[in-house]
C-alpha atoms as a PDB file:
ATOM      1  CA  ALA A   1     187.736 219.956 214.795  1.00  0.00           C
ATOM      2  CA  GLU A   2     184.173 221.155 215.124  1.00  0.00           C
ATOM      3  CA  ILE A   3     183.851 219.755 218.640  1.00  0.00           C
ATOM      4  CA  ASP A   4     186.656 222.064 219.758  1.00  0.00           C
ATOM      5  CA  GLN A   5     184.827 225.053 218.305  1.00  0.00           C
ATOM      6  CA  ILE A   6     181.360 224.430 219.750  1.00  0.00           C
ATOM      7  CA  ASN A   7     182.140 222.430 222.959  1.00  0.00           C
ATOM      8  CA  ILE A   8     181.177 218.889 223.893  1.00  0.00           C
ATOM      9  CA  LEU A   9     177.644 219.670 225.085  1.00  0.00           C
ATOM     10  CA  GLN A  10     176.687 221.545 221.920  1.00  0.00           C
ATOM     11  CA  ALA A  11     178.314 218.815 219.818  1.00  0.00           C
ATOM     12  CA  SER A  12     176.199 216.215 221.645  1.00  0.00           C
ATOM     13  CA  TYR A  13     173.026 218.188 220.956  1.00  0.00           C
ATOM     14  CA  LYS A  14     173.988 218.528 217.310  1.00  0.00           C
ATOM     15  CA  ALA A  15     174.657 214.789 217.007  1.00  0.00           C
ATOM     16  CA  MET A  16     171.298 213.968 218.598  1.00  0.00           C
ATOM     17  CA  HIS A  17     169.475 216.376 216.287  1.00  0.00           C
ATOM     18  CA  LEU A  18     171.195 214.908 213.232  1.00  0.00           C
ATOM     19  CA  ALA A  19     170.200 211.402 214.345  1.00  0.00           C
ATOM     20  CA  ILE A  20     166.593 212.468 214.943  1.00  0.00           C
ATOM     21  CA  ALA A  21     166.433 214.070 211.497  1.00  0.00           C
ATOM     22  CA  GLN A  22     167.381 210.734 209.916  1.00  0.00           C
ATOM     23  CA  LEU A  23     164.604 208.720 211.554  1.00  0.00           C
ATOM     24  CA  ASN A  24     162.192 207.157 209.071  1.00  0.00           C
ATOM     25  CA  THR A  25     159.299 207.513 211.500  1.00  0.00           C
ATOM     26  CA  GLN A  26     158.884 210.619 213.615  1.00  0.00           C
ATOM     27  CA  PRO A  27     158.275 209.758 217.273  1.00  0.00           C
ATOM     28  CA  ASP A  28     155.585 211.447 219.346  1.00  0.00           C
ATOM     29  CA  LEU A  29     158.033 212.087 222.182  1.00  0.00           C
ATOM     30  CA  LEU A  30     161.799 212.030 222.617  1.00  0.00           C
ATOM     31  CA  LEU A  31     163.019 210.450 225.849  1.00  0.00           C
ATOM     32  CA  ILE A  32     166.394 211.972 226.658  1.00  0.00           C
ATOM     33  CA  ASP A  33     168.792 210.297 229.066  1.00  0.00           C
ATOM     34  CA  GLY A  34     170.082 213.182 231.138  1.00  0.00           C
ATOM     35  CA  ASN A  35     168.967 216.500 232.528  1.00  0.00           C
ATOM     36  CA  ARG A  36     169.435 218.773 229.491  1.00  0.00           C
ATOM     37  CA  PHE A  37     168.492 218.816 225.848  1.00  0.00           C
ATOM     38  CA  LYS A  38     168.244 221.503 223.208  1.00  0.00           C
ATOM     39  CA  PRO A  39     164.611 221.196 222.092  1.00  0.00           C
ATOM     40  CA  TYR A  40     164.043 219.663 218.687  1.00  0.00           C
ATOM     41  CA  PRO A  41     161.756 221.941 216.648  1.00  0.00           C
ATOM     42  CA  THR A  42     158.911 219.528 215.897  1.00  0.00           C
ATOM     43  CA  ILE A  43     159.003 216.850 218.608  1.00  0.00           C
ATOM     44  CA  PRO A  44     158.463 217.349 222.338  1.00  0.00           C
ATOM     45  CA  HIS A  45     160.979 215.807 224.701  1.00  0.00           C
ATOM     46  CA  GLN A  46     161.308 214.659 228.278  1.00  0.00           C
ATOM     47  CA  CYS A  47     164.645 214.524 230.069  1.00  0.00           C
ATOM     48  CA  ILE A  48     165.056 211.573 232.407  1.00  0.00           C
ATOM     49  CA  ILE A  49     167.956 211.586 234.832  1.00  0.00           C
ATOM     50  CA  LYS A  50     169.631 208.155 234.806  1.00  0.00           C
ATOM     51  CA  GLY A  51     167.139 207.127 232.138  1.00  0.00           C
ATOM     52  CA  ASP A  52     169.352 204.352 230.823  1.00  0.00           C
ATOM     53  CA  GLY A  53     168.991 202.588 234.170  1.00  0.00           C
ATOM     54  CA  LYS A  54     165.238 203.086 234.254  1.00  0.00           C
ATOM     55  CA  PHE A  55     164.379 202.034 230.702  1.00  0.00           C
ATOM     56  CA  ALA A  56     167.189 199.712 229.615  1.00  0.00           C
END
């Protein structure tokens, strides 16, 4: 499986990027729950530790 080849963190980044690419409207900013994110080429991001508890 691909996840075994690229590791769980890289697979998570890839999944997030694929989801972002499918958005009908491009956001001005990506709020990422966690402390790491592979930057998306055209949208700035902000990592928020325990973001799900702060914004849910």
